[in-house]
PDB file of N, CA and C in Angstrom:
ATOM      1  N   MET A   1     137.965 -76.100-149.488  1.00  0.00           N
ATOM      2  CA  MET A   1     138.125 -75.500-150.780  1.00  0.00           C
ATOM      3  C   MET A   1     136.939 -74.885-151.347  1.00  0.00           C
ATOM      4  N   ILE A   2     135.763 -75.580-151.117  1.00  0.00           N
ATOM      5  CA  ILE A   2     134.493 -75.052-151.653  1.00  0.00           C
ATOM      6  C   ILE A   2     134.145 -73.732-150.934  1.00  0.00           C
ATOM      7  N   ASN A   3     134.384 -73.679-149.685  1.00  0.00           N
ATOM      8  CA  ASN A   3     134.068 -72.454-148.976  1.00  0.00           C
ATOM      9  C   ASN A   3     134.956 -71.338-149.483  1.00  0.00           C
ATOM     10  N   ASN A   4     136.194 -71.594-149.762  1.00  0.00           N
ATOM     11  CA  ASN A   4     137.073 -70.504-150.232  1.00  0.00           C
ATOM     12  C   ASN A   4     136.638 -70.013-151.585  1.00  0.00           C
ATOM     13  N   LEU A   5     136.220 -70.919-152.461  1.00  0.00           N
ATOM     14  CA  LEU A   5     135.771 -70.544-153.741  1.00  0.00           C
ATOM     15  C   LEU A   5     134.457 -69.789-153.704  1.00  0.00           C
ATOM     16  N   GLN A   6     133.587 -70.145-152.809  1.00  0.00           N
ATOM     17  CA  GLN A   6     132.312 -69.420-152.625  1.00  0.00           C
ATOM     18  C   GLN A   6     132.654 -68.016-152.082  1.00  0.00           C
ATOM     19  N   ASP A   7     133.597 -67.967-151.196  1.00  0.00           N
ATOM     20  CA  ASP A   7     133.969 -66.596-150.636  1.00  0.00           C
ATOM     21  C   ASP A   7     134.489 -65.694-151.689  1.00  0.00           C
ATOM     22  N   ILE A   8     135.351 -66.301-152.527  1.00  0.00           N
ATOM     23  CA  ILE A   8     135.989 -65.454-153.604  1.00  0.00           C
ATOM     24  C   ILE A   8     134.906 -65.008-154.562  1.00  0.00           C
ATOM     25  N   GLN A   9     133.945 -65.911-154.945  1.00  0.00           N
ATOM     26  CA  GLN A   9     132.848 -65.531-155.895  1.00  0.00           C
ATOM     27  C   GLN A   9     131.981 -64.448-155.228  1.00  0.00           C
ATOM     28  N   LYS A  10     131.713 -64.526-153.912  1.00  0.00           N
ATOM     29  CA  LYS A  10     130.887 -63.537-153.219  1.00  0.00           C
ATOM     30  C   LYS A  10     131.570 -62.179-153.215  1.00  0.00           C
ATOM     31  N   ILE A  11     132.883 -62.192-152.911  1.00  0.00           N
ATOM     32  CA  ILE A  11     133.730 -60.948-152.926  1.00  0.00           C
ATOM     33  C   ILE A  11     133.740 -60.382-154.347  1.00  0.00           C
ATOM     34  N   SER A  12     133.932 -61.155-155.328  1.00  0.00           N
ATOM     35  CA  SER A  12     133.968 -60.698-156.693  1.00  0.00           C
ATOM     36  C   SER A  12     132.615 -60.082-157.157  1.00  0.00           C
ATOM     37  N   GLN A  13     131.529 -60.790-156.784  1.00  0.00           N
ATOM     38  CA  GLN A  13     130.223 -60.272-157.125  1.00  0.00           C
ATOM     39  C   GLN A  13     129.962 -58.899-156.370  1.00  0.00           C
ATOM     40  N   THR A  14     130.371 -58.861-155.077  1.00  0.00           N
ATOM     41  CA  THR A  14     130.227 -57.613-154.332  1.00  0.00           C
ATOM     42  C   THR A  14     131.017 -56.465-155.048  1.00  0.00           C
ATOM     43  N   ASN A  15     132.267 -56.776-155.439  1.00  0.00           N
ATOM     44  CA  ASN A  15     132.994 -55.740-156.105  1.00  0.00           C
ATOM     45  C   ASN A  15     132.355 -55.201-157.470  1.00  0.00           C
ATOM     46  N   VAL A  16     131.876 -56.219-158.211  1.00  0.00           N
ATOM     47  CA  VAL A  16     131.183 -55.855-159.462  1.00  0.00           C
ATOM     48  C   VAL A  16     130.032 -55.028-159.169  1.00  0.00           C
ATOM     49  N   ASP A  17     129.190 -55.399-158.257  1.00  0.00           N
ATOM     50  CA  ASP A  17     128.003 -54.636-157.874  1.00  0.00           C
ATOM     51  C   ASP A  17     128.343 -53.250-157.407  1.00  0.00           C
ATOM     52  N   THR A  18     129.358 -53.114-156.660  1.00  0.00           N
ATOM     53  CA  THR A  18     129.863 -51.863-156.189  1.00  0.00           C
ATOM     54  C   THR A  18     130.342 -50.931-157.290  1.00  0.00           C
ATOM     55  N   PHE A  19     131.084 -51.564-158.280  1.00  0.00           N
ATOM     56  CA  PHE A  19     131.560 -50.791-159.388  1.00  0.00           C
ATOM     57  C   PHE A  19     130.460 -50.267-160.258  1.00  0.00           C
ATOM     58  N   ILE A  20     129.444 -51.094-160.462  1.00  0.00           N
ATOM     59  CA  ILE A  20     128.261 -50.738-161.247  1.00  0.00           C
ATOM     60  C   ILE A  20     127.504 -49.581-160.566  1.00  0.00           C
ATOM     61  N   LYS A  21     127.384 -49.606-159.284  1.00  0.00           N
ATOM     62  CA  LYS A  21     126.742 -48.512-158.566  1.00  0.00           C
ATOM     63  C   LYS A  21     127.537 -47.296-158.615  1.00  0.00           C
ATOM     64  N   ILE A  22     128.805 -47.343-158.505  1.00  0.00           N
ATOM     65  CA  ILE A  22     129.687 -46.147-158.542  1.00  0.00           C
ATOM     66  C   ILE A  22     129.621 -45.558-159.911  1.00  0.00           C
ATOM     67  N   PHE A  23     129.699 -46.394-160.913  1.00  0.00           N
ATOM     68  CA  PHE A  23     129.674 -45.855-162.303  1.00  0.00           C
ATOM     69  C   PHE A  23     128.346 -45.245-162.587  1.00  0.00           C
ATOM     70  N   GLY A  24     127.254 -45.792-162.171  1.00  0.00           N
ATOM     71  CA  GLY A  24     125.923 -45.200-162.341  1.00  0.00           C
ATOM     72  C   GLY A  24     125.766 -43.845-161.643  1.00  0.00           C
ATOM     73  N   ASP A  25     126.300 -43.810-160.438  1.00  0.00           N
ATOM     74  CA  ASP A  25     126.194 -42.492-159.716  1.00  0.00           C
ATOM     75  C   ASP A  25     127.059 -41.485-160.327  1.00  0.00           C
ATOM     76  N   TRP A  26     128.253 -41.833-160.771  1.00  0.00           N
ATOM     77  CA  TRP A  26     129.243 -41.006-161.351  1.00  0.00           C
ATOM     78  C   TRP A  26     128.636 -40.436-162.720  1.00  0.00           C
ATOM     79  N   ASN A  27     127.916 -41.290-163.488  1.00  0.00           N
ATOM     80  CA  ASN A  27     127.277 -40.885-164.700  1.00  0.00           C
ATOM     81  C   ASN A  27     126.122 -39.960-164.470  1.00  0.00           C
ATOM     82  N   LYS A  28     125.309 -40.233-163.495  1.00  0.00           N
ATOM     83  CA  LYS A  28     124.256 -39.318-163.108  1.00  0.00           C
ATOM     84  C   LYS A  28     124.726 -37.950-162.710  1.00  0.00           C
ATOM     85  N   GLY A  29     125.797 -37.921-161.981  1.00  0.00           N
ATOM     86  CA  GLY A  29     126.406 -36.664-161.569  1.00  0.00           C
ATOM     87  C   GLY A  29     126.843 -35.826-162.724  1.00  0.00           C
ATOM     88  N   TRP A  30     127.493 -36.477-163.720  1.00  0.00           N
ATOM     89  CA  TRP A  30     127.939 -35.774-164.883  1.00  0.00           C
ATOM     90  C   TRP A  30     126.792 -35.296-165.812  1.00  0.00           C
ATOM     91  N   GLN A  31     125.696 -36.032-165.817  1.00  0.00           N
ATOM     92  CA  GLN A  31     124.526 -35.740-166.567  1.00  0.00           C
ATOM     93  C   GLN A  31     123.904 -34.481-165.928  1.00  0.00           C
ATOM     94  N   ALA A  32     123.821 -34.443-164.620  1.00  0.00           N
ATOM     95  CA  ALA A  32     123.284 -33.311-163.918  1.00  0.00           C
ATOM     96  C   ALA A  32     124.049 -31.981-164.141  1.00  0.00           C
ATOM     97  N   ILE A  33     125.368 -32.152-164.187  1.00  0.00           N
ATOM     98  CA  ILE A  33     126.279 -31.016-164.456  1.00  0.00           C
ATOM     99  C   ILE A  33     126.047 -30.542-165.835  1.00  0.00           C
ATOM    100  N   ALA A  34     126.020 -31.417-166.803  1.00  0.00           N
ATOM    101  CA  ALA A  34     125.778 -31.040-168.217  1.00  0.00           C
ATOM    102  C   ALA A  34     124.420 -30.430-168.418  1.00  0.00           C
ATOM    103  N   ALA A  35     123.383 -30.923-167.754  1.00  0.00           N
ATOM    104  CA  ALA A  35     122.040 -30.332-167.893  1.00  0.00           C
ATOM    105  C   ALA A  35     122.094 -28.894-167.285  1.00  0.00           C
ATOM    106  N   GLU A  36     122.712 -28.775-166.192  1.00  0.00           N
ATOM    107  CA  GLU A  36     122.822 -27.375-165.554  1.00  0.00           C
ATOM    108  C   GLU A  36     123.493 -26.411-166.430  1.00  0.00           C
ATOM    109  N   MET A  37     124.571 -26.919-167.018  1.00  0.00           N
ATOM    110  CA  MET A  37     125.394 -25.985-167.886  1.00  0.00           C
ATOM    111  C   MET A  37     124.542 -25.650-169.172  1.00  0.00           C
ATOM    112  N   THR A  38     123.816 -26.612-169.640  1.00  0.00           N
ATOM    113  CA  THR A  38     122.931 -26.385-170.873  1.00  0.00           C
ATOM    114  C   THR A  38     121.904 -25.342-170.470  1.00  0.00           C
ATOM    115  N   ASP A  39     121.270 -25.486-169.356  1.00  0.00           N
ATOM    116  CA  ASP A  39     120.193 -24.514-168.949  1.00  0.00           C
ATOM    117  C   ASP A  39     120.808 -23.144-168.773  1.00  0.00           C
ATOM    118  N   TYR A  40     121.967 -23.071-168.175  1.00  0.00           N
ATOM    119  CA  TYR A  40     122.598 -21.751-168.038  1.00  0.00           C
ATOM    120  C   TYR A  40     122.919 -21.088-169.318  1.00  0.00           C
ATOM    121  N   SER A  41     123.456 -21.896-170.231  1.00  0.00           N
ATOM    122  CA  SER A  41     123.787 -21.404-171.624  1.00  0.00           C
ATOM    123  C   SER A  41     122.555 -20.819-172.345  1.00  0.00           C
ATOM    124  N   LYS A  42     121.479 -21.627-172.175  1.00  0.00           N
ATOM    125  CA  LYS A  42     120.252 -21.150-172.820  1.00  0.00           C
ATOM    126  C   LYS A  42     119.725 -19.854-172.197  1.00  0.00           C
ATOM    127  N   ARG A  43     119.726 -19.764-170.868  1.00  0.00           N
ATOM    128  CA  ARG A  43     119.272 -18.546-170.278  1.00  0.00           C
ATOM    129  C   ARG A  43     120.141 -17.384-170.588  1.00  0.00           C
ATOM    130  N   ALA A  44     121.463 -17.535-170.657  1.00  0.00           N
ATOM    131  CA  ALA A  44     122.385 -16.498-170.931  1.00  0.00           C
ATOM    132  C   ALA A  44     122.159 -16.033-172.438  1.00  0.00           C
ATOM    133  N   PHE A  45     121.944 -16.964-173.360  1.00  0.00           N
ATOM    134  CA  PHE A  45     121.706 -16.563-174.720  1.00  0.00           C
ATOM    135  C   PHE A  45     120.355 -15.810-174.846  1.00  0.00           C
ATOM    136  N   GLU A  46     119.364 -16.313-174.140  1.00  0.00           N
ATOM    137  CA  GLU A  46     118.070 -15.620-174.193  1.00  0.00           C
ATOM    138  C   GLU A  46     118.192 -14.203-173.646  1.00  0.00           C
ATOM    139  N   ASP A  47     118.874 -14.112-172.540  1.00  0.00           N
ATOM    140  CA  ASP A  47     119.056 -12.784-171.901  1.00  0.00           C
ATOM    141  C   ASP A  47     119.854 -11.813-172.892  1.00  0.00           C
ATOM    142  N   GLY A  48     120.907 -12.397-173.480  1.00  0.00           N
ATOM    143  CA  GLY A  48     121.671 -11.501-174.397  1.00  0.00           C
ATOM    144  C   GLY A  48     120.805 -11.152-175.633  1.00  0.00           C
ATOM    145  N   THR A  49     120.043 -12.085-176.130  1.00  0.00           N
ATOM    146  CA  THR A  49     119.181 -11.754-177.317  1.00  0.00           C
ATOM    147  C   THR A  49     118.152 -10.656-176.966  1.00  0.00           C
ATOM    148  N   ALA A  50     117.491 -10.814-175.716  1.00  0.00           N
ATOM    149  CA  ALA A  50     116.566  -9.787-175.354  1.00  0.00           C
ATOM    150  C   ALA A  50     117.194  -8.460-175.137  1.00  0.00           C
ATOM    151  N   THR A  51     118.428  -8.447-174.569  1.00  0.00           N
ATOM    152  CA  THR A  51     119.090  -7.191-174.358  1.00  0.00           C
ATOM    153  C   THR A  51     119.465  -6.598-175.674  1.00  0.00           C
ATOM    154  N   PHE A  52     119.911  -7.370-176.682  1.00  0.00           N
ATOM    155  CA  PHE A  52     120.257  -6.804-177.961  1.00  0.00           C
ATOM    156  C   PHE A  52     119.006  -6.139-178.612  1.00  0.00           C
ATOM    157  N   GLU A  53     117.828  -6.756-178.448  1.00  0.00           N
ATOM    158  CA  GLU A  53     116.625  -6.192-178.969  1.00  0.00           C
ATOM    159  C   GLU A  53     116.284  -4.855-178.279  1.00  0.00           C
ATOM    160  N   LYS A  54     116.519  -4.828-176.980  1.00  0.00           N
ATOM    161  CA  LYS A  54     116.251  -3.523-176.235  1.00  0.00           C
ATOM    162  C   LYS A  54     117.201  -2.496-176.747  1.00  0.00           C
ATOM    163  N   LEU A  55     118.451  -2.899-176.891  1.00  0.00           N
ATOM    164  CA  LEU A  55     119.479  -1.903-177.323  1.00  0.00           C
ATOM    165  C   LEU A  55     119.109  -1.395-178.768  1.00  0.00           C
ATOM    166  N   ALA A  56     118.649  -2.219-179.627  1.00  0.00           N
ATOM    167  CA  ALA A  56     118.273  -1.828-180.978  1.00  0.00           C
ATOM    168  C   ALA A  56     117.091  -0.804-181.005  1.00  0.00           C
ATOM    169  N   SER A  57     116.290  -0.892-179.919  1.00  0.00           N
ATOM    170  CA  SER A  57     115.156   0.055-179.838  1.00  0.00           C
ATOM    171  C   SER A  57     115.436   1.195-178.929  1.00  0.00           C
ATOM    172  N   ALA A  58     116.594   1.405-178.440  1.00  0.00           N
ATOM    173  CA  ALA A  58     116.957   2.440-177.521  1.00  0.00           C
ATOM    174  C   ALA A  58     116.818   3.765-178.263  1.00  0.00           C
ATOM    175  N   LYS A  59     116.270   4.762-177.567  1.00  0.00           N
ATOM    176  CA  LYS A  59     115.962   6.104-178.076  1.00  0.00           C
ATOM    177  C   LYS A  59     117.062   7.061-177.936  1.00  0.00           C
ATOM    178  N   SER A  60     118.066   6.725-177.018  1.00  0.00           N
ATOM    179  CA  SER A  60     119.098   7.673-176.743  1.00  0.00           C
ATOM    180  C   SER A  60     120.356   6.841-176.284  1.00  0.00           C
ATOM    181  N   VAL A  61     121.424   7.574-176.280  1.00  0.00           N
ATOM    182  CA  VAL A  61     122.719   6.928-175.856  1.00  0.00           C
ATOM    183  C   VAL A  61     122.603   6.573-174.415  1.00  0.00           C
ATOM    184  N   GLU A  62     122.033   7.445-173.586  1.00  0.00           N
ATOM    185  CA  GLU A  62     121.849   7.214-172.142  1.00  0.00           C
ATOM    186  C   GLU A  62     121.106   5.954-171.843  1.00  0.00           C
ATOM    187  N   GLN A  63     119.978   5.812-172.614  1.00  0.00           N
ATOM    188  CA  GLN A  63     119.156   4.611-172.493  1.00  0.00           C
ATOM    189  C   GLN A  63     119.891   3.347-172.874  1.00  0.00           C
ATOM    190  N   ALA A  64     120.705   3.496-173.925  1.00  0.00           N
ATOM    191  CA  ALA A  64     121.438   2.288-174.384  1.00  0.00           C
ATOM    192  C   ALA A  64     122.486   1.918-173.371  1.00  0.00           C
ATOM    193  N   VAL A  65     123.135   2.923-172.701  1.00  0.00           N
ATOM    194  CA  VAL A  65     124.129   2.665-171.696  1.00  0.00           C
ATOM    195  C   VAL A  65     123.534   2.018-170.462  1.00  0.00           C
ATOM    196  N   GLU A  66     122.321   2.485-170.164  1.00  0.00           N
ATOM    197  CA  GLU A  66     121.632   1.912-168.993  1.00  0.00           C
ATOM    198  C   GLU A  66     121.262   0.394-169.235  1.00  0.00           C
ATOM    199  N   ILE A  67     120.752   0.154-170.471  1.00  0.00           N
ATOM    200  CA  ILE A  67     120.335  -1.284-170.843  1.00  0.00           C
ATOM    201  C   ILE A  67     121.683  -2.149-170.818  1.00  0.00           C
ATOM    202  N   GLN A  68     122.768  -1.621-171.310  1.00  0.00           N
ATOM    203  CA  GLN A  68     123.984  -2.400-171.292  1.00  0.00           C
ATOM    204  C   GLN A  68     124.566  -2.616-169.986  1.00  0.00           C
ATOM    205  N   THR A  69     124.479  -1.541-169.104  1.00  0.00           N
ATOM    206  CA  THR A  69     124.876  -1.709-167.733  1.00  0.00           C
ATOM    207  C   THR A  69     124.088  -2.673-166.956  1.00  0.00           C
ATOM    208  N   ASN A  70     122.771  -2.685-167.119  1.00  0.00           N
ATOM    209  CA  ASN A  70     121.918  -3.634-166.432  1.00  0.00           C
ATOM    210  C   ASN A  70     122.214  -5.059-166.890  1.00  0.00           C
ATOM    211  N   PHE A  71     122.419  -5.190-168.195  1.00  0.00           N
ATOM    212  CA  PHE A  71     122.799  -6.468-168.731  1.00  0.00           C
ATOM    213  C   PHE A  71     124.129  -6.986-168.136  1.00  0.00           C
ATOM    214  N   ALA A  72     125.075  -6.183-168.103  1.00  0.00           N
ATOM    215  CA  ALA A  72     126.380  -6.550-167.550  1.00  0.00           C
ATOM    216  C   ALA A  72     126.244  -6.981-166.089  1.00  0.00           C
ATOM    217  N   LYS A  73     125.485  -6.232-165.311  1.00  0.00           N
ATOM    218  CA  LYS A  73     125.327  -6.589-163.853  1.00  0.00           C
ATOM    219  C   LYS A  73     124.570  -7.972-163.721  1.00  0.00           C
ATOM    220  N   ARG A  74     123.560  -8.165-164.525  1.00  0.00           N
ATOM    221  CA  ARG A  74     122.794  -9.443-164.510  1.00  0.00           C
ATOM    222  C   ARG A  74     123.674 -10.550-164.923  1.00  0.00           C
ATOM    223  N   ALA A  75     124.423 -10.412-165.977  1.00  0.00           N
ATOM    224  CA  ALA A  75     125.323 -11.413-166.513  1.00  0.00           C
ATOM    225  C   ALA A  75     126.391 -11.788-165.502  1.00  0.00           C
ATOM    226  N   TYR A  76     126.973 -10.816-164.876  1.00  0.00           N
ATOM    227  CA  TYR A  76     127.987 -11.054-163.841  1.00  0.00           C
ATOM    228  C   TYR A  76     127.375 -11.809-162.609  1.00  0.00           C
ATOM    229  N   ASP A  77     126.273 -11.318-162.176  1.00  0.00           N
ATOM    230  CA  ASP A  77     125.659 -12.105-161.025  1.00  0.00           C
ATOM    231  C   ASP A  77     125.300 -13.476-161.308  1.00  0.00           C
ATOM    232  N   ASP A  78     124.640 -13.616-162.527  1.00  0.00           N
ATOM    233  CA  ASP A  78     124.300 -14.967-162.973  1.00  0.00           C
ATOM    234  C   ASP A  78     125.480 -15.846-163.058  1.00  0.00           C
ATOM    235  N   TYR A  79     126.534 -15.369-163.663  1.00  0.00           N
ATOM    236  CA  TYR A  79     127.799 -16.169-163.837  1.00  0.00           C
ATOM    237  C   TYR A  79     128.329 -16.575-162.445  1.00  0.00           C
ATOM    238  N   LEU A  80     128.370 -15.629-161.531  1.00  0.00           N
ATOM    239  CA  LEU A  80     128.893 -16.029-160.216  1.00  0.00           C
ATOM    240  C   LEU A  80     128.036 -17.033-159.519  1.00  0.00           C
ATOM    241  N   HIS A  81     126.761 -16.868-159.614  1.00  0.00           N
ATOM    242  CA  HIS A  81     125.836 -17.844-159.076  1.00  0.00           C
ATOM    243  C   HIS A  81     126.043 -19.233-159.727  1.00  0.00           C
ATOM    244  N   GLN A  82     126.213 -19.281-161.046  1.00  0.00           N
ATOM    245  CA  GLN A  82     126.394 -20.506-161.759  1.00  0.00           C
ATOM    246  C   GLN A  82     127.648 -21.205-161.399  1.00  0.00           C
ATOM    247  N   VAL A  83     128.687 -20.413-161.325  1.00  0.00           N
ATOM    248  CA  VAL A  83     130.011 -20.947-160.960  1.00  0.00           C
ATOM    249  C   VAL A  83     129.942 -21.603-159.568  1.00  0.00           C
ATOM    250  N   THR A  84     129.354 -20.984-158.694  1.00  0.00           N
ATOM    251  CA  THR A  84     129.210 -21.490-157.322  1.00  0.00           C
ATOM    252  C   THR A  84     128.358 -22.769-157.340  1.00  0.00           C
ATOM    253  N   LYS A  85     127.309 -22.772-158.058  1.00  0.00           N
ATOM    254  CA  LYS A  85     126.454 -23.906-158.131  1.00  0.00           C
ATOM    255  C   LYS A  85     127.204 -25.160-158.736  1.00  0.00           C
ATOM    256  N   ILE A  86     127.857 -24.850-159.878  1.00  0.00           N
ATOM    257  CA  ILE A  86     128.525 -25.982-160.612  1.00  0.00           C
ATOM    258  C   ILE A  86     129.713 -26.459-159.688  1.00  0.00           C
ATOM    259  N   GLY A  87     130.326 -25.540-159.039  1.00  0.00           N
ATOM    260  CA  GLY A  87     131.486 -25.950-158.134  1.00  0.00           C
ATOM    261  C   GLY A  87     130.984 -26.859-157.009  1.00  0.00           C
ATOM    262  N   GLY A  88     129.807 -26.520-156.495  1.00  0.00           N
ATOM    263  CA  GLY A  88     129.163 -27.498-155.508  1.00  0.00           C
ATOM    264  C   GLY A  88     128.786 -28.810-156.037  1.00  0.00           C
ATOM    265  N   MET A  89     128.353 -28.813-157.331  1.00  0.00           N
ATOM    266  CA  MET A  89     128.014 -30.091-157.963  1.00  0.00           C
ATOM    267  C   MET A  89     129.261 -30.965-158.156  1.00  0.00           C
ATOM    268  N   TYR A  90     130.320 -30.287-158.590  1.00  0.00           N
ATOM    269  CA  TYR A  90     131.588 -31.038-158.713  1.00  0.00           C
ATOM    270  C   TYR A  90     132.073 -31.581-157.412  1.00  0.00           C
ATOM    271  N   SER A  91     131.952 -30.793-156.373  1.00  0.00           N
ATOM    272  CA  SER A  91     132.385 -31.194-155.081  1.00  0.00           C
ATOM    273  C   SER A  91     131.555 -32.384-154.515  1.00  0.00           C
ATOM    274  N   SER A  92     130.303 -32.334-154.792  1.00  0.00           N
ATOM    275  CA  SER A  92     129.359 -33.439-154.346  1.00  0.00           C
ATOM    276  C   SER A  92     129.758 -34.717-155.151  1.00  0.00           C
ATOM    277  N   LEU A  93     129.937 -34.490-156.485  1.00  0.00           N
ATOM    278  CA  LEU A  93     130.343 -35.653-157.293  1.00  0.00           C
ATOM    279  C   LEU A  93     131.657 -36.326-156.764  1.00  0.00           C
ATOM    280  N   ALA A  94     132.606 -35.507-156.459  1.00  0.00           N
ATOM    281  CA  ALA A  94     133.871 -36.026-155.937  1.00  0.00           C
ATOM    282  C   ALA A  94     133.671 -36.733-154.580  1.00  0.00           C
ATOM    283  N   LYS A  95     132.890 -36.190-153.746  1.00  0.00           N
ATOM    284  CA  LYS A  95     132.662 -36.826-152.380  1.00  0.00           C
ATOM    285  C   LYS A  95     131.870 -38.070-152.537  1.00  0.00           C
ATOM    286  N   ASP A  96     130.865 -38.094-153.427  1.00  0.00           N
ATOM    287  CA  ASP A  96     130.164 -39.316-153.652  1.00  0.00           C
ATOM    288  C   ASP A  96     130.965 -40.367-154.307  1.00  0.00           C
ATOM    289  N   ALA A  97     131.908 -40.000-155.145  1.00  0.00           N
ATOM    290  CA  ALA A  97     132.770 -41.074-155.815  1.00  0.00           C
ATOM    291  C   ALA A  97     133.734 -41.609-154.749  1.00  0.00           C
ATOM    292  N   TYR A  98     134.048 -40.856-153.815  1.00  0.00           N
ATOM    293  CA  TYR A  98     135.046 -41.265-152.787  1.00  0.00           C
ATOM    294  C   TYR A  98     134.468 -42.119-151.780  1.00  0.00           C
ATOM    295  N   LYS A  99     133.177 -42.036-151.533  1.00  0.00           N
ATOM    296  CA  LYS A  99     132.480 -42.858-150.428  1.00  0.00           C
ATOM    297  C   LYS A  99     132.724 -44.319-150.527  1.00  0.00           C
ATOM    298  N   PRO A 100     132.536 -44.960-151.650  1.00  0.00           N
ATOM    299  CA  PRO A 100     132.812 -46.386-151.629  1.00  0.00           C
ATOM    300  C   PRO A 100     134.259 -46.779-151.397  1.00  0.00           C
ATOM    301  N   VAL A 101     135.131 -46.014-151.817  1.00  0.00           N
ATOM    302  CA  VAL A 101     136.517 -46.222-151.532  1.00  0.00           C
ATOM    303  C   VAL A 101     136.823 -46.157-150.012  1.00  0.00           C
ATOM    304  N   GLU A 102     136.289 -45.079-149.436  1.00  0.00           N
ATOM    305  CA  GLU A 102     136.393 -44.913-147.977  1.00  0.00           C
ATOM    306  C   GLU A 102     135.745 -46.105-147.202  1.00  0.00           C
ATOM    307  N   LYS A 103     134.586 -46.487-147.702  1.00  0.00           N
ATOM    308  CA  LYS A 103     133.858 -47.739-147.091  1.00  0.00           C
ATOM    309  C   LYS A 103     134.720 -48.974-147.209  1.00  0.00           C
ATOM    310  N   ALA A 104     135.353 -49.105-148.377  1.00  0.00           N
ATOM    311  CA  ALA A 104     136.165 -50.359-148.605  1.00  0.00           C
ATOM    312  C   ALA A 104     137.375 -50.340-147.538  1.00  0.00           C
ATOM    313  N   PHE A 105     137.995 -49.140-147.456  1.00  0.00           N
ATOM    314  CA  PHE A 105     139.109 -49.105-146.494  1.00  0.00           C
ATOM    315  C   PHE A 105     138.695 -49.346-145.050  1.00  0.00           C
ATOM    316  N   GLN A 106     137.525 -48.847-144.680  1.00  0.00           N
ATOM    317  CA  GLN A 106     136.977 -49.059-143.352  1.00  0.00           C
ATOM    318  C   GLN A 106     136.653 -50.577-143.102  1.00  0.00           C
ATOM    319  N   ASN A 107     136.093 -51.199-144.192  1.00  0.00           N
ATOM    320  CA  ASN A 107     135.736 -52.605-143.992  1.00  0.00           C
ATOM    321  C   ASN A 107     136.982 -53.470-144.072  1.00  0.00           C
ATOM    322  N   GLY A 108     138.004 -53.007-144.665  1.00  0.00           N
ATOM    323  CA  GLY A 108     139.268 -53.784-144.768  1.00  0.00           C
ATOM    324  C   GLY A 108     140.054 -53.856-143.517  1.00  0.00           C
ATOM    325  N   ARG A 109     139.785 -52.878-142.614  1.00  0.00           N
ATOM    326  CA  ARG A 109     140.552 -52.754-141.362  1.00  0.00           C
ATOM    327  C   ARG A 109     140.118 -53.786-140.369  1.00  0.00           C
TER     328      ARG A 109
END
């Protein structure tokens, strides 16, 4: 009886420790994604503000069109880069979250 109770306590403690680790890793992943999105938003805002200032000082319509065209290209390229990066972070988060489950199934067999 005592051995069974000790085994149950050991398994319970292992499960709690695993859950705490999973939750901590999950939380860190979401924090990294949030920080990345904040940085991207800040960069995009600063680039938009700088472009507006350039547009305000444009001497001709052609110069204004060139400034706007360059801004649109940069914004599009930055957006695609950011979407790819965030997608990779979400994918890593999902894979990392699944690892303990996969390990539990392997240990259970």
